[in-house]
Amino acid sequence: MKYKLADDIAVLHFDDGKVNAVGHDFIDAMNEGLDRAEAEAKAVVIRGREGLFSGGFDLSEFKKGPEAALALAGRGLHLLTRIYGHPQPVVAACTGHAIAMGAFILLASDTRIGIEGDFRTTLPETAIGMNFHPVLFELVASRLSKRHETRALIQANIYDPAGAIAAGFLDEIVIDEALDARVMSAAQQLAQLPTEVYGKNKRDCRAASLQRMQDSLE
């Protein structure tokens, strides 16, 4: 991860040269970036690599056995809960494909801006034989359109960028060349809002969901 502070905006730019897999290093970097943002910024941008926001969990970690898989999954669920309840505005710059955990990071973020192109957003868990944790159900119920819950969650539908807006994964899409400027503009606008009030209203609005998420993790 590259961390940059610009005009009170903390930019967390992830690029592992591959698929931006959510492994322990990714989670450590994200938590470190969110810590720094709380201390010195007024809004957060989470940005992926060119053509790919995130391909989901690091499956090589899952292949180490049930204990390793549960450890990573648990940390990932805690991270989603943290992003969802983060006291500052969180803007996701979706630079391409958002698969599984990548799509859930979009759902946990406040404002989601993607790019036009041949990109996929999907929750493939049913297709690959995995069950959903209650934290994930809460994010889906909170952010996805009710009309798309069955298609997205149960039927593992694959969405193009326009479809991802209709479903609720994204709020808007722009051409690739305009993404960074649009994301920074959105973050700067949100950063003008009183930070303490923003954080309190977010957490109050999401209190029931956050409590159920935290209870399920315990």
C-alpha atoms as a PDB file:
ATOM      1  CA  MET A   1       0.000   0.000   0.000  1.00  0.00           C
ATOM      2  CA  LYS A   2       1.057   3.551  -0.739  1.00  0.00           C
ATOM      3  CA  TYR A   3      -0.297   6.121   1.695  1.00  0.00           C
ATOM      4  CA  LYS A   4      -0.588   9.749   0.626  1.00  0.00           C
ATOM      5  CA  LEU A   5      -2.089  12.729   2.431  1.00  0.00           C
ATOM      6  CA  ALA A   6      -3.366  15.423   0.077  1.00  0.00           C
ATOM      7  CA  ASP A   7      -5.605  18.331   1.118  1.00  0.00           C
ATOM      8  CA  ASP A   8      -6.822  16.483   4.229  1.00  0.00           C
ATOM      9  CA  ILE A   9      -7.581  13.377   2.139  1.00  0.00           C
ATOM     10  CA  ALA A  10      -5.830  10.131   3.064  1.00  0.00           C
ATOM     11  CA  VAL A  11      -5.353   8.042  -0.086  1.00  0.00           C
ATOM     12  CA  LEU A  12      -4.762   4.323   0.489  1.00  0.00           C
ATOM     13  CA  HIS A  13      -3.507   3.009  -2.868  1.00  0.00           C
ATOM     14  CA  PHE A  14      -3.260  -0.783  -3.104  1.00  0.00           C
ATOM     15  CA  ASP A  15      -1.232  -2.443  -5.850  1.00  0.00           C
ATOM     16  CA  ASP A  16       0.403  -5.818  -5.241  1.00  0.00           C
ATOM     17  CA  GLY A  17       1.164  -6.258  -8.945  1.00  0.00           C
ATOM     18  CA  LYS A  18      -1.308  -9.139  -9.121  1.00  0.00           C
ATOM     19  CA  VAL A  19      -4.945  -9.229  -7.968  1.00  0.00           C
ATOM     20  CA  ASN A  20      -4.812  -7.093  -4.805  1.00  0.00           C
ATOM     21  CA  ALA A  21      -5.630 -10.193  -2.791  1.00  0.00           C
ATOM     22  CA  VAL A  22      -6.928  -9.562   0.701  1.00  0.00           C
ATOM     23  CA  GLY A  23      -4.363 -11.331   2.855  1.00  0.00           C
ATOM     24  CA  HIS A  24      -2.790 -10.504   6.189  1.00  0.00           C
ATOM     25  CA  ASP A  25      -0.457  -7.892   4.676  1.00  0.00           C
ATOM     26  CA  PHE A  26      -3.385  -6.178   2.952  1.00  0.00           C
ATOM     27  CA  ILE A  27      -5.392  -6.092   6.181  1.00  0.00           C
ATOM     28  CA  ASP A  28      -2.423  -4.825   8.199  1.00  0.00           C
ATOM     29  CA  ALA A  29      -1.844  -2.050   5.661  1.00  0.00           C
ATOM     30  CA  MET A  30      -5.506  -1.093   5.567  1.00  0.00           C
ATOM     31  CA  ASN A  31      -5.725  -0.871   9.344  1.00  0.00           C
ATOM     32  CA  GLU A  32      -2.536   1.167   9.484  1.00  0.00           C
ATOM     33  CA  GLY A  33      -3.882   3.504   6.822  1.00  0.00           C
ATOM     34  CA  LEU A  34      -7.195   3.967   8.619  1.00  0.00           C
ATOM     35  CA  ASP A  35      -5.330   4.672  11.873  1.00  0.00           C
ATOM     36  CA  ARG A  36      -3.262   7.355  10.173  1.00  0.00           C
ATOM     37  CA  ALA A  37      -6.308   8.813   8.482  1.00  0.00           C
ATOM     38  CA  GLU A  38      -8.139   9.186  11.781  1.00  0.00           C
ATOM     39  CA  ALA A  39      -5.142  11.056  13.190  1.00  0.00           C
ATOM     40  CA  GLU A  40      -4.406  13.420  10.319  1.00  0.00           C
ATOM     41  CA  ALA A  41      -7.123  13.452   7.648  1.00  0.00           C
ATOM     42  CA  LYS A  42     -10.776  14.356   7.170  1.00  0.00           C
ATOM     43  CA  ALA A  43     -11.701  11.752   4.546  1.00  0.00           C
ATOM     44  CA  VAL A  44     -10.332   8.484   3.152  1.00  0.00           C
ATOM     45  CA  VAL A  45      -9.921   7.190  -0.396  1.00  0.00           C
ATOM     46  CA  ILE A  46      -9.377   3.467  -0.983  1.00  0.00           C
ATOM     47  CA  ARG A  47      -7.934   2.925  -4.464  1.00  0.00           C
ATOM     48  CA  GLY A  48      -7.103  -0.267  -6.330  1.00  0.00           C
ATOM     49  CA  ARG A  49      -4.608  -0.966  -9.098  1.00  0.00           C
ATOM     50  CA  GLU A  50      -5.248  -0.320 -12.770  1.00  0.00           C
ATOM     51  CA  GLY A  51      -7.994  -2.627 -14.007  1.00  0.00           C
ATOM     52  CA  LEU A  52      -8.577  -4.278 -10.636  1.00  0.00           C
ATOM     53  CA  PHE A  53      -9.931  -3.053  -7.312  1.00  0.00           C
ATOM     54  CA  SER A  54      -9.537  -6.397  -5.536  1.00  0.00           C
ATOM     55  CA  GLY A  55      -9.905 -10.036  -6.482  1.00  0.00           C
ATOM     56  CA  GLY A  56     -10.950 -11.110  -2.977  1.00  0.00           C
ATOM     57  CA  PHE A  57      -9.338 -13.124  -0.239  1.00  0.00           C
ATOM     58  CA  ASP A  58      -5.860 -14.616  -0.663  1.00  0.00           C
ATOM     59  CA  LEU A  59      -6.871 -18.194  -1.484  1.00  0.00           C
ATOM     60  CA  SER A  60      -3.342 -19.474  -0.915  1.00  0.00           C
ATOM     61  CA  GLU A  61      -3.905 -18.745   2.761  1.00  0.00           C
ATOM     62  CA  PHE A  62      -7.119 -20.782   2.700  1.00  0.00           C
ATOM     63  CA  LYS A  63      -5.233 -23.752   1.285  1.00  0.00           C
ATOM     64  CA  LYS A  64      -3.150 -23.949   4.462  1.00  0.00           C
ATOM     65  CA  GLY A  65      -6.081 -25.489   6.287  1.00  0.00           C
ATOM     66  CA  PRO A  66      -9.202 -24.595   8.291  1.00  0.00           C
ATOM     67  CA  GLU A  67      -7.343 -22.775  11.078  1.00  0.00           C
ATOM     68  CA  ALA A  68      -5.500 -20.474   8.692  1.00  0.00           C
ATOM     69  CA  ALA A  69      -8.646 -19.904   6.634  1.00  0.00           C
ATOM     70  CA  LEU A  70     -10.717 -18.962   9.674  1.00  0.00           C
ATOM     71  CA  ALA A  71      -7.993 -16.644  10.963  1.00  0.00           C
ATOM     72  CA  LEU A  72      -7.840 -14.705   7.705  1.00  0.00           C
ATOM     73  CA  ALA A  73     -11.607 -14.663   7.211  1.00  0.00           C
ATOM     74  CA  GLY A  74     -12.092 -13.384  10.750  1.00  0.00           C
ATOM     75  CA  ARG A  75      -9.650 -10.542  10.229  1.00  0.00           C
ATOM     76  CA  GLY A  76     -11.320  -9.669   6.944  1.00  0.00           C
ATOM     77  CA  LEU A  77     -14.731  -9.496   8.591  1.00  0.00           C
ATOM     78  CA  HIS A  78     -13.357  -7.227  11.320  1.00  0.00           C
ATOM     79  CA  LEU A  79     -11.898  -4.989   8.613  1.00  0.00           C
ATOM     80  CA  LEU A  80     -15.221  -4.710   6.783  1.00  0.00           C
ATOM     81  CA  THR A  81     -16.931  -3.804  10.038  1.00  0.00           C
ATOM     82  CA  ARG A  82     -14.309  -1.169  10.707  1.00  0.00           C
ATOM     83  CA  ILE A  83     -14.631   0.408   7.256  1.00  0.00           C
ATOM     84  CA  TYR A  84     -18.441   0.401   7.528  1.00  0.00           C
ATOM     85  CA  GLY A  85     -18.261   2.230  10.863  1.00  0.00           C
ATOM     86  CA  HIS A  86     -15.222   4.413  10.127  1.00  0.00           C
ATOM     87  CA  PRO A  87     -15.909   7.908  11.527  1.00  0.00           C
ATOM     88  CA  GLN A  88     -14.695   9.722   8.408  1.00  0.00           C
ATOM     89  CA  PRO A  89     -16.095   9.672   4.872  1.00  0.00           C
ATOM     90  CA  VAL A  90     -14.743   6.679   2.952  1.00  0.00           C
ATOM     91  CA  VAL A  91     -14.635   6.915  -0.844  1.00  0.00           C
ATOM     92  CA  ALA A  92     -13.792   3.814  -2.879  1.00  0.00           C
ATOM     93  CA  ALA A  93     -12.054   4.329  -6.221  1.00  0.00           C
ATOM     94  CA  CYS A  94     -13.050   1.140  -8.021  1.00  0.00           C
ATOM     95  CA  THR A  95     -10.387   0.834 -10.696  1.00  0.00           C
ATOM     96  CA  GLY A  96     -11.790  -2.287 -12.364  1.00  0.00           C
ATOM     97  CA  HIS A  97     -12.904  -5.736 -11.239  1.00  0.00           C
ATOM     98  CA  ALA A  98     -14.279  -6.106  -7.694  1.00  0.00           C
ATOM     99  CA  ILE A  99     -14.650  -9.759  -6.755  1.00  0.00           C
ATOM    100  CA  ALA A 100     -15.885 -11.289  -3.487  1.00  0.00           C
ATOM    101  CA  MET A 101     -14.090  -9.441  -0.679  1.00  0.00           C
ATOM    102  CA  GLY A 102     -13.346  -6.644  -3.142  1.00  0.00           C
ATOM    103  CA  ALA A 103     -17.074  -6.177  -3.726  1.00  0.00           C
ATOM    104  CA  PHE A 104     -17.727  -6.237   0.016  1.00  0.00           C
ATOM    105  CA  ILE A 105     -15.195  -3.438   0.541  1.00  0.00           C
ATOM    106  CA  LEU A 106     -17.291  -1.422  -1.907  1.00  0.00           C
ATOM    107  CA  LEU A 107     -20.397  -2.166   0.147  1.00  0.00           C
ATOM    108  CA  ALA A 108     -18.620  -1.090   3.343  1.00  0.00           C
ATOM    109  CA  SER A 109     -17.478   2.229   1.823  1.00  0.00           C
ATOM    110  CA  ASP A 110     -19.667   5.335   1.862  1.00  0.00           C
ATOM    111  CA  THR A 111     -19.229   6.579  -1.720  1.00  0.00           C
ATOM    112  CA  ARG A 112     -18.214   4.216  -4.532  1.00  0.00           C
ATOM    113  CA  ILE A 113     -16.986   5.525  -7.888  1.00  0.00           C
ATOM    114  CA  GLY A 114     -16.003   3.117 -10.646  1.00  0.00           C
ATOM    115  CA  ILE A 115     -14.932   3.242 -14.258  1.00  0.00           C
ATOM    116  CA  GLU A 116     -16.523   2.299 -17.542  1.00  0.00           C
ATOM    117  CA  GLY A 117     -15.249  -0.815 -19.263  1.00  0.00           C
ATOM    118  CA  ASP A 118     -15.378  -4.598 -19.400  1.00  0.00           C
ATOM    119  CA  PHE A 119     -15.193  -5.081 -15.638  1.00  0.00           C
ATOM    120  CA  ARG A 120     -16.973  -7.460 -13.286  1.00  0.00           C
ATOM    121  CA  THR A 121     -18.396  -6.984  -9.823  1.00  0.00           C
ATOM    122  CA  THR A 122     -19.626 -10.176  -8.217  1.00  0.00           C
ATOM    123  CA  LEU A 123     -20.146 -12.137  -5.021  1.00  0.00           C
ATOM    124  CA  PRO A 124     -19.192 -15.640  -6.243  1.00  0.00           C
ATOM    125  CA  GLU A 125     -19.476 -17.464  -2.925  1.00  0.00           C
ATOM    126  CA  THR A 126     -22.480 -19.606  -3.898  1.00  0.00           C
ATOM    127  CA  ALA A 127     -20.815 -20.559  -7.178  1.00  0.00           C
ATOM    128  CA  ILE A 128     -17.653 -21.693  -5.411  1.00  0.00           C
ATOM    129  CA  GLY A 129     -19.427 -23.465  -2.551  1.00  0.00           C
ATOM    130  CA  MET A 130     -18.920 -20.990   0.280  1.00  0.00           C
ATOM    131  CA  ASN A 131     -21.386 -19.757   2.875  1.00  0.00           C
ATOM    132  CA  PHE A 132     -21.837 -16.145   3.981  1.00  0.00           C
ATOM    133  CA  HIS A 133     -21.067 -14.840   7.463  1.00  0.00           C
ATOM    134  CA  PRO A 134     -23.670 -12.611   9.214  1.00  0.00           C
ATOM    135  CA  VAL A 135     -21.366  -9.591   8.733  1.00  0.00           C
ATOM    136  CA  LEU A 136     -21.718 -10.022   4.983  1.00  0.00           C
ATOM    137  CA  PHE A 137     -25.496 -10.366   5.173  1.00  0.00           C
ATOM    138  CA  GLU A 138     -25.631  -7.089   7.075  1.00  0.00           C
ATOM    139  CA  LEU A 139     -23.631  -5.272   4.416  1.00  0.00           C
ATOM    140  CA  VAL A 140     -25.826  -6.656   1.668  1.00  0.00           C
ATOM    141  CA  ALA A 141     -29.040  -5.723   3.496  1.00  0.00           C
ATOM    142  CA  SER A 142     -27.695  -2.239   4.214  1.00  0.00           C
ATOM    143  CA  ARG A 143     -26.257  -1.293   0.818  1.00  0.00           C
ATOM    144  CA  LEU A 144     -27.638  -3.476  -1.982  1.00  0.00           C
ATOM    145  CA  SER A 145     -30.953  -2.869  -3.705  1.00  0.00           C
ATOM    146  CA  LYS A 146     -33.592  -5.277  -2.395  1.00  0.00           C
ATOM    147  CA  ARG A 147     -34.388  -6.174  -6.008  1.00  0.00           C
ATOM    148  CA  HIS A 148     -30.851  -7.484  -6.428  1.00  0.00           C
ATOM    149  CA  GLU A 149     -30.283  -9.333  -3.151  1.00  0.00           C
ATOM    150  CA  THR A 150     -31.270 -12.723  -4.548  1.00  0.00           C
ATOM    151  CA  ARG A 151     -29.393 -12.262  -7.810  1.00  0.00           C
ATOM    152  CA  ALA A 152     -26.244 -10.842  -6.221  1.00  0.00           C
ATOM    153  CA  LEU A 153     -25.981 -12.846  -3.015  1.00  0.00           C
ATOM    154  CA  ILE A 154     -27.665 -16.182  -3.679  1.00  0.00           C
ATOM    155  CA  GLN A 155     -27.263 -16.534  -7.442  1.00  0.00           C
ATOM    156  CA  ALA A 156     -23.740 -15.060  -7.757  1.00  0.00           C
ATOM    157  CA  ASN A 157     -24.737 -12.743 -10.600  1.00  0.00           C
ATOM    158  CA  ILE A 158     -21.924 -10.964 -12.438  1.00  0.00           C
ATOM    159  CA  TYR A 159     -22.476  -7.228 -12.951  1.00  0.00           C
ATOM    160  CA  ASP A 160     -20.920  -4.858 -15.437  1.00  0.00           C
ATOM    161  CA  PRO A 161     -20.271  -1.296 -14.148  1.00  0.00           C
ATOM    162  CA  ALA A 162     -23.744  -0.017 -15.086  1.00  0.00           C
ATOM    163  CA  GLY A 163     -25.325  -3.061 -13.466  1.00  0.00           C
ATOM    164  CA  ALA A 164     -23.201  -2.551 -10.364  1.00  0.00           C
ATOM    165  CA  ILE A 165     -24.802   0.886  -9.987  1.00  0.00           C
ATOM    166  CA  ALA A 166     -28.299  -0.587 -10.314  1.00  0.00           C
ATOM    167  CA  ALA A 167     -27.482  -3.274  -7.741  1.00  0.00           C
ATOM    168  CA  GLY A 168     -25.910  -0.870  -5.255  1.00  0.00           C
ATOM    169  CA  PHE A 169     -22.217  -1.778  -5.419  1.00  0.00           C
ATOM    170  CA  LEU A 170     -21.344   1.542  -7.084  1.00  0.00           C
ATOM    171  CA  ASP A 171     -22.798   5.043  -6.962  1.00  0.00           C
ATOM    172  CA  GLU A 172     -21.437   6.319 -10.275  1.00  0.00           C
ATOM    173  CA  ILE A 173     -19.025   5.510 -13.078  1.00  0.00           C
ATOM    174  CA  VAL A 174     -16.715   7.719 -15.100  1.00  0.00           C
ATOM    175  CA  ILE A 175     -14.185   7.176 -17.870  1.00  0.00           C
ATOM    176  CA  ASP A 176     -10.877   5.790 -16.647  1.00  0.00           C
ATOM    177  CA  GLU A 177      -8.985   9.031 -17.216  1.00  0.00           C
ATOM    178  CA  ALA A 178     -11.422  10.977 -15.034  1.00  0.00           C
ATOM    179  CA  LEU A 179     -11.476   8.612 -12.057  1.00  0.00           C
ATOM    180  CA  ASP A 180      -8.807  10.125  -9.818  1.00  0.00           C
ATOM    181  CA  ALA A 181     -10.033  13.697 -10.288  1.00  0.00           C
ATOM    182  CA  ARG A 182     -13.651  12.689  -9.643  1.00  0.00           C
ATOM    183  CA  VAL A 183     -12.764  10.647  -6.566  1.00  0.00           C
ATOM    184  CA  MET A 184     -10.673  13.440  -5.065  1.00  0.00           C
ATOM    185  CA  SER A 185     -13.424  15.962  -5.785  1.00  0.00           C
ATOM    186  CA  ALA A 186     -15.976  13.766  -4.012  1.00  0.00           C
ATOM    187  CA  ALA A 187     -13.648  13.215  -1.054  1.00  0.00           C
ATOM    188  CA  GLN A 188     -12.853  16.928  -0.756  1.00  0.00           C
ATOM    189  CA  GLN A 189     -16.535  17.789  -0.778  1.00  0.00           C
ATOM    190  CA  LEU A 190     -17.240  15.249   1.967  1.00  0.00           C
ATOM    191  CA  ALA A 191     -14.224  16.467   3.959  1.00  0.00           C
ATOM    192  CA  GLN A 192     -15.930  19.854   4.286  1.00  0.00           C
ATOM    193  CA  LEU A 193     -18.624  18.304   6.470  1.00  0.00           C
ATOM    194  CA  PRO A 194     -18.028  18.474  10.256  1.00  0.00           C
ATOM    195  CA  THR A 195     -16.054  15.303  10.946  1.00  0.00           C
ATOM    196  CA  GLU A 196     -17.446  14.554  14.404  1.00  0.00           C
ATOM    197  CA  VAL A 197     -21.017  15.075  13.247  1.00  0.00           C
ATOM    198  CA  TYR A 198     -20.447  12.954  10.141  1.00  0.00           C
ATOM    199  CA  GLY A 199     -19.030  10.114  12.217  1.00  0.00           C
ATOM    200  CA  LYS A 200     -21.799  10.256  14.823  1.00  0.00           C
ATOM    201  CA  ASN A 201     -24.581  10.370  12.254  1.00  0.00           C
ATOM    202  CA  LYS A 202     -23.021   7.497  10.326  1.00  0.00           C
ATOM    203  CA  ARG A 203     -22.700   5.325  13.388  1.00  0.00           C
ATOM    204  CA  ASP A 204     -26.152   6.268  14.688  1.00  0.00           C
ATOM    205  CA  CYS A 205     -27.706   5.521  11.298  1.00  0.00           C
ATOM    206  CA  ARG A 206     -25.908   2.173  11.125  1.00  0.00           C
ATOM    207  CA  ALA A 207     -26.047   1.378  14.849  1.00  0.00           C
ATOM    208  CA  ALA A 208     -28.307  -1.662  14.589  1.00  0.00           C
ATOM    209  CA  SER A 209     -26.327  -3.169  11.711  1.00  0.00           C
ATOM    210  CA  LEU A 210     -22.974  -2.452  13.377  1.00  0.00           C
ATOM    211  CA  GLN A 211     -24.165  -4.020  16.624  1.00  0.00           C
ATOM    212  CA  ARG A 212     -25.300  -7.184  14.854  1.00  0.00           C
ATOM    213  CA  MET A 213     -21.999  -7.324  12.976  1.00  0.00           C
ATOM    214  CA  GLN A 214     -19.974  -6.935  16.168  1.00  0.00           C
ATOM    215  CA  ASP A 215     -22.117  -9.454  18.039  1.00  0.00           C
ATOM    216  CA  SER A 216     -21.625 -12.042  15.273  1.00  0.00           C
ATOM    217  CA  LEU A 217     -17.845 -11.533  15.400  1.00  0.00           C
ATOM    218  CA  GLU A 218     -17.774 -12.096  19.147  1.00  0.00           C
END
